[in-house]
Amino acid sequence: MLELNGIVKGFSTNGGNVRTVLEELSLTVGAKESVAIVGRSGSGKSTLLKIISGMDNDFLGEYLFNKEEMRRKSSDKRARFRREKLGFITQRFDLLDDRNVYENIAIALSHLGLPKSEKKQKVAEILGYVGLHGYEKKFIGQLSGGEMQRVSIARAIIKKPALIIADEPTGSLDEETRDDILSLFKQMMEDGHQFIIVTHDKDVSKICDRILKLYRGTLINVS
């Protein structure tokens, strides 16, 4: 599915030097495989996710997604790639406070031009899947942290993405709620959803097929 070869990424410092964050980094993620990426703060995990998601195209090396070279794509094509092929789950949930649950999820379908009735059906089905049946009209401020993350998950998977990118998805949850979300992730993986998860949480990383550590600009197999 995904292949990174010899990725090099650096940033200019105030002194005019270049600080290399990723150096000759390589990664292959097979079909139906979920991978956890761990590493200390500042190790380059967020930079790596931006490259994988097509948000950062200023790097050296090769990036293939389903055998398509991503680095040569225009910004419009990379935006379309994110919209159609990827789902995103973050620590902050990134939900729209002025819209209800239905609107927050249905926005992920806006590019498909679906009839309103079909959108309603799809949102209802995905809310049932994440354990929020009947929540369509609730506003974000009425939800708990765990419920907000479930809405975020529903939005990420309703378009059936090829890959879900999760950045510290349990970082702002209490232990009990985190365990509930982990159970949902496990079910999603069993149902064929594929993840790349950046996390500091060992329990989160253990549910993936492989754990990789980002250290000194490259990835090391942990398990």
Protein backbone atom coordinates (compact mmCIF):
# COMPACT_ATOMS: atom_id res chain seq x y z
CA MET A 1 0.00 0.00 0.00
CA LEU A 2 2.52 2.57 1.17
CA GLU A 3 6.24 2.82 0.53
CA LEU A 4 8.75 5.47 1.58
CA ASN A 5 12.30 5.18 0.29
CA GLY A 6 15.26 7.31 1.40
CA ILE A 7 13.18 10.18 2.75
CA VAL A 8 15.23 13.20 3.79
CA LYS A 9 13.60 16.24 5.36
CA GLY A 10 15.25 19.26 6.96
CA PHE A 11 14.36 22.72 8.24
CA SER A 12 16.36 25.93 8.08
CA THR A 13 17.37 27.36 11.45
CA ASN A 14 17.67 31.03 12.42
CA GLY A 15 21.43 30.77 11.97
CA GLY A 16 21.06 29.72 8.37
CA ASN A 17 21.92 26.08 8.97
CA VAL A 18 19.70 23.13 8.09
CA ARG A 19 18.45 20.82 10.82
CA THR A 20 17.77 17.38 9.40
CA VAL A 21 14.67 15.77 10.95
CA LEU A 22 14.26 12.70 8.73
CA GLU A 23 17.35 11.09 7.24
CA GLU A 24 17.25 8.24 4.70
CA LEU A 25 14.00 7.07 6.27
CA SER A 26 12.28 4.09 4.70
CA LEU A 27 8.92 2.51 5.48
CA THR A 28 6.78 -0.14 3.83
CA VAL A 29 3.22 -0.76 5.01
CA GLY A 30 1.48 -3.71 3.41
CA ALA A 31 -2.20 -4.17 2.65
CA LYS A 32 -4.34 -4.73 5.77
CA GLU A 33 -1.37 -3.93 8.03
CA SER A 34 -1.62 -1.41 10.86
CA VAL A 35 1.52 0.25 12.20
CA ALA A 36 2.27 2.22 15.36
CA ILE A 37 5.01 4.87 15.36
CA VAL A 38 6.53 5.89 18.69
CA GLY A 39 9.32 8.29 19.61
CA ARG A 40 10.13 11.20 21.86
CA SER A 41 8.66 14.66 21.30
CA GLY A 42 10.51 16.49 18.54
CA SER A 43 11.74 13.29 16.89
CA GLY A 44 9.87 14.07 13.65
CA LYS A 45 6.68 12.05 14.00
CA SER A 46 4.41 14.95 13.00
CA THR A 47 6.71 15.78 10.07
CA LEU A 48 6.48 12.17 8.89
CA LEU A 49 2.68 12.21 9.10
CA LYS A 50 2.55 15.40 7.03
CA ILE A 51 4.59 13.70 4.30
CA ILE A 52 2.42 10.57 4.37
CA SER A 53 -0.76 12.68 4.19
CA GLY A 54 0.56 14.72 1.26
CA MET A 55 0.55 17.96 3.25
CA ASP A 56 4.32 18.35 2.94
CA ASN A 57 5.83 17.79 -0.49
CA ASP A 58 9.18 19.47 0.19
CA PHE A 59 11.42 16.48 0.83
CA LEU A 60 13.91 14.24 -0.91
CA GLY A 61 13.25 10.59 -1.65
CA GLU A 62 10.39 8.49 -3.00
CA TYR A 63 6.82 8.16 -1.69
CA LEU A 64 4.52 5.59 -3.30
CA PHE A 65 0.88 5.08 -2.33
CA ASN A 66 -0.71 2.11 -4.08
CA LYS A 67 2.24 2.31 -6.50
CA GLU A 68 1.53 5.95 -7.40
CA GLU A 69 4.37 8.45 -6.94
CA MET A 70 3.00 11.10 -4.59
CA ARG A 71 5.87 13.58 -4.68
CA ARG A 72 5.21 14.47 -8.31
CA LYS A 73 1.52 15.21 -7.77
CA SER A 74 0.24 18.78 -7.83
CA SER A 75 -1.12 20.37 -4.65
CA ASP A 76 -4.69 19.94 -5.99
CA LYS A 77 -4.15 16.22 -6.62
CA ARG A 78 -2.61 15.75 -3.20
CA ALA A 79 -5.61 17.53 -1.62
CA ARG A 80 -7.90 15.18 -3.51
CA PHE A 81 -5.82 12.24 -2.28
CA ARG A 82 -6.30 13.35 1.34
CA ARG A 83 -10.01 13.90 0.83
CA GLU A 84 -10.70 10.58 -0.88
CA LYS A 85 -8.10 8.12 0.42
CA LEU A 86 -7.30 9.15 3.99
CA GLY A 87 -9.16 9.45 7.26
CA PHE A 88 -7.79 11.51 10.15
CA ILE A 89 -8.21 11.08 13.91
CA THR A 90 -6.44 13.50 16.27
CA GLN A 91 -6.01 14.16 19.97
CA ARG A 92 -7.96 17.44 19.66
CA PHE A 93 -10.90 15.84 17.76
CA ASP A 94 -10.98 18.81 15.31
CA LEU A 95 -14.77 19.04 15.30
CA LEU A 96 -16.86 22.10 14.40
CA ASP A 97 -18.49 23.47 17.55
CA ASP A 98 -21.16 25.41 15.67
CA ARG A 99 -22.46 22.31 13.86
CA ASN A 100 -24.25 19.27 15.17
CA VAL A 101 -23.00 15.69 15.05
CA TYR A 102 -24.72 14.94 11.75
CA GLU A 103 -23.16 17.97 10.07
CA ASN A 104 -19.70 17.19 11.45
CA ILE A 105 -19.79 13.72 9.94
CA ALA A 106 -21.63 14.48 6.71
CA ILE A 107 -18.99 17.05 5.75
CA ALA A 108 -16.69 14.12 4.91
CA LEU A 109 -19.15 13.10 2.17
CA SER A 110 -19.51 16.55 0.61
CA HIS A 111 -17.27 15.74 -2.35
CA LEU A 112 -19.39 12.74 -3.39
CA GLY A 113 -22.53 14.63 -4.41
CA LEU A 114 -24.83 12.16 -2.66
CA PRO A 115 -28.60 12.74 -2.26
CA LYS A 116 -29.59 14.02 1.19
CA SER A 117 -31.46 10.81 1.99
CA GLU A 118 -28.39 8.69 1.27
CA LYS A 119 -26.20 10.95 3.41
CA LYS A 120 -28.64 10.60 6.31
CA GLN A 121 -28.63 6.84 5.99
CA LYS A 122 -24.84 6.62 5.88
CA VAL A 123 -24.44 8.91 8.92
CA ALA A 124 -27.01 6.92 10.89
CA GLU A 125 -25.22 3.66 10.05
CA ILE A 126 -21.79 4.94 11.01
CA LEU A 127 -23.09 6.42 14.29
CA GLY A 128 -24.50 3.01 15.15
CA TYR A 129 -21.12 1.45 14.36
CA VAL A 130 -19.23 3.76 16.76
CA GLY A 131 -21.86 3.43 19.50
CA LEU A 132 -23.61 6.80 19.11
CA HIS A 133 -26.96 5.80 17.66
CA GLY A 134 -29.39 8.72 17.67
CA TYR A 135 -26.77 11.43 18.29
CA GLU A 136 -27.32 13.25 14.98
CA LYS A 137 -28.86 16.42 16.44
CA LYS A 138 -26.56 16.82 19.44
CA PHE A 139 -24.02 19.63 19.37
CA ILE A 140 -20.36 19.11 20.19
CA GLY A 141 -20.58 21.03 23.47
CA GLN A 142 -23.10 18.47 24.72
CA LEU A 143 -20.68 15.56 24.31
CA SER A 144 -18.06 14.00 26.58
CA GLY A 145 -14.47 13.63 25.40
CA GLY A 146 -15.02 10.00 24.49
CA GLU A 147 -18.15 10.83 22.54
CA MET A 148 -16.34 13.59 20.66
CA GLN A 149 -13.61 11.13 19.68
CA ARG A 150 -16.24 8.67 18.47
CA VAL A 151 -17.72 11.42 16.27
CA SER A 152 -14.21 12.09 14.96
CA ILE A 153 -13.78 8.38 14.22
CA ALA A 154 -17.15 8.24 12.46
CA ARG A 155 -16.17 11.20 10.28
CA ALA A 156 -12.84 9.54 9.45
CA ILE A 157 -14.29 6.21 8.33
CA ILE A 158 -17.64 7.11 6.76
CA LYS A 159 -15.99 7.58 3.34
CA LYS A 160 -14.23 4.19 3.68
CA PRO A 161 -10.67 5.51 3.40
CA ALA A 162 -7.78 3.34 2.28
CA LEU A 163 -5.78 4.43 5.35
CA ILE A 164 -6.57 6.04 8.70
CA ILE A 165 -3.92 8.33 10.19
CA ALA A 166 -4.32 8.69 13.94
CA ASP A 167 -2.16 11.23 15.81
CA GLU A 168 -2.20 10.58 19.59
CA PRO A 169 -5.89 9.54 19.36
CA THR A 170 -6.21 8.74 23.08
CA GLY A 171 -3.97 11.55 24.39
CA SER A 172 -6.77 13.62 25.92
CA LEU A 173 -8.91 10.77 27.25
CA ASP A 174 -9.13 9.30 30.75
CA GLU A 175 -8.13 5.67 31.25
CA GLU A 176 -11.63 4.17 31.09
CA THR A 177 -12.59 6.12 27.97
CA ARG A 178 -9.23 5.28 26.38
CA ASP A 179 -9.94 1.57 26.89
CA ASP A 180 -13.34 1.95 25.21
CA ILE A 181 -11.74 3.68 22.21
CA LEU A 182 -9.05 0.99 22.03
CA SER A 183 -11.78 -1.66 21.87
CA LEU A 184 -13.37 0.23 19.00
CA PHE A 185 -10.01 0.47 17.19
CA LYS A 186 -9.51 -3.28 17.57
CA GLN A 187 -12.94 -3.91 16.07
CA MET A 188 -12.17 -1.53 13.23
CA MET A 189 -8.94 -3.38 12.45
CA GLU A 190 -10.79 -6.70 12.47
CA ASP A 191 -13.28 -5.16 10.04
CA GLY A 192 -10.47 -4.27 7.63
CA HIS A 193 -9.62 -0.68 8.53
CA GLN A 194 -5.92 0.08 8.23
CA PHE A 195 -4.09 2.49 10.56
CA ILE A 196 -0.88 4.39 11.00
CA ILE A 197 -0.98 5.51 14.64
CA VAL A 198 1.46 7.93 16.27
CA THR A 199 1.27 7.44 20.02
CA HIS A 200 3.11 7.61 23.34
CA ASP A 201 0.67 5.07 24.82
CA LYS A 202 2.07 1.53 24.94
CA ASP A 203 -1.41 0.01 25.11
CA VAL A 204 -2.35 1.79 21.89
CA SER A 205 0.78 0.67 20.07
CA LYS A 206 0.27 -2.96 21.12
CA ILE A 207 -2.95 -3.32 19.13
CA CYS A 208 -1.06 -2.73 15.86
CA ASP A 209 0.68 -5.35 13.76
CA ARG A 210 4.05 -3.61 14.08
CA ILE A 211 5.64 -1.00 16.33
CA LEU A 212 8.30 1.31 14.88
CA LYS A 213 10.40 3.84 16.76
CA LEU A 214 11.44 7.09 15.12
CA TYR A 215 14.99 7.71 16.34
CA ARG A 216 17.61 10.05 14.91
CA GLY A 217 15.64 10.55 11.73
CA THR A 218 14.98 6.94 10.86
CA LEU A 219 12.59 4.14 11.82
CA ILE A 220 13.65 1.17 13.96
CA ASN A 221 11.58 -1.99 14.39
CA VAL A 222 10.46 -2.46 17.98
CA SER A 223 8.18 -5.43 17.40
